[in-house]
């Protein structure tokens, strides 16, 4: 049974190239010192089509 740990929506601050197979999506705005603010860096395969300013939903589940 899955256990949901967190779910939130965030704007992508920027997309960084990691290598020829993946990019890194980042949301690390200036509110990161706010305890209620959630931010992330996550690698995704190339071809995702996401760019800075896009809104994404992040879901973390323990499986």
Protein backbone atom coordinates (compact mmCIF):
# COMPACT_ATOMS: atom_id res chain seq x y z
CA UNK A 1 0.00 0.00 0.00
CA UNK A 2 1.30 3.43 -0.95
CA UNK A 3 1.85 6.05 1.74
CA UNK A 4 1.64 9.66 0.52
CA UNK A 5 4.39 11.75 2.08
CA UNK A 6 3.88 15.07 0.26
CA UNK A 7 1.97 16.60 -2.65
CA UNK A 8 2.34 20.19 -3.81
CA UNK A 9 2.38 22.39 -6.90
CA UNK A 10 5.33 24.58 -7.78
CA UNK A 11 6.66 26.74 -10.59
CA UNK A 12 9.85 25.51 -12.25
CA UNK A 13 12.52 28.13 -11.62
CA UNK A 14 14.95 26.74 -14.18
CA UNK A 15 15.93 23.62 -16.10
CA UNK A 16 19.61 22.61 -16.10
CA UNK A 17 21.30 20.24 -18.53
CA UNK A 18 22.90 17.35 -16.62
CA UNK A 19 24.15 15.32 -19.59
CA UNK A 20 22.99 14.02 -22.97
CA UNK A 21 20.32 11.80 -21.35
CA UNK A 22 18.78 13.94 -18.59
CA UNK A 23 18.00 17.42 -17.29
CA UNK A 24 17.40 18.70 -13.77
CA UNK A 25 14.16 20.53 -12.89
CA UNK A 26 14.66 23.04 -10.11
CA UNK A 27 12.46 25.09 -7.81
CA UNK A 28 14.62 26.88 -5.24
CA UNK A 29 13.13 30.32 -4.93
CA UNK A 30 13.99 32.88 -2.27
CA UNK A 31 11.22 31.56 0.00
CA UNK A 32 13.21 28.42 0.82
CA UNK A 33 13.84 29.81 4.33
CA UNK A 34 10.07 29.75 4.89
CA UNK A 35 9.29 26.42 6.66
CA UNK A 36 6.04 26.05 4.68
CA UNK A 37 7.80 26.39 1.31
CA UNK A 38 8.70 23.19 -0.55
CA UNK A 39 11.50 23.21 -3.12
CA UNK A 40 13.27 20.54 -5.15
CA UNK A 41 15.90 19.48 -7.69
CA UNK A 42 14.91 16.39 -9.64
CA UNK A 43 16.49 14.72 -12.65
CA UNK A 44 14.19 13.79 -15.54
CA UNK A 45 14.86 12.14 -18.91
CA UNK A 46 15.39 14.45 -21.92
CA UNK A 47 12.32 15.12 -24.03
CA UNK A 48 10.16 16.20 -21.07
CA UNK A 49 9.12 19.53 -22.66
CA UNK A 50 9.17 21.39 -19.33
CA UNK A 51 10.61 24.90 -19.20
CA UNK A 52 11.14 27.64 -16.62
CA UNK A 53 7.82 29.10 -15.52
CA UNK A 54 5.82 25.90 -16.05
CA UNK A 55 3.77 24.74 -13.08
CA UNK A 56 4.23 21.12 -12.00
CA UNK A 57 2.78 18.87 -9.32
CA UNK A 58 5.22 16.92 -7.17
CA UNK A 59 3.96 13.77 -5.42
CA UNK A 60 6.16 11.76 -3.08
CA UNK A 61 4.91 8.31 -2.07
CA UNK A 62 6.53 5.53 -0.12
CA UNK A 63 5.84 2.24 -1.87
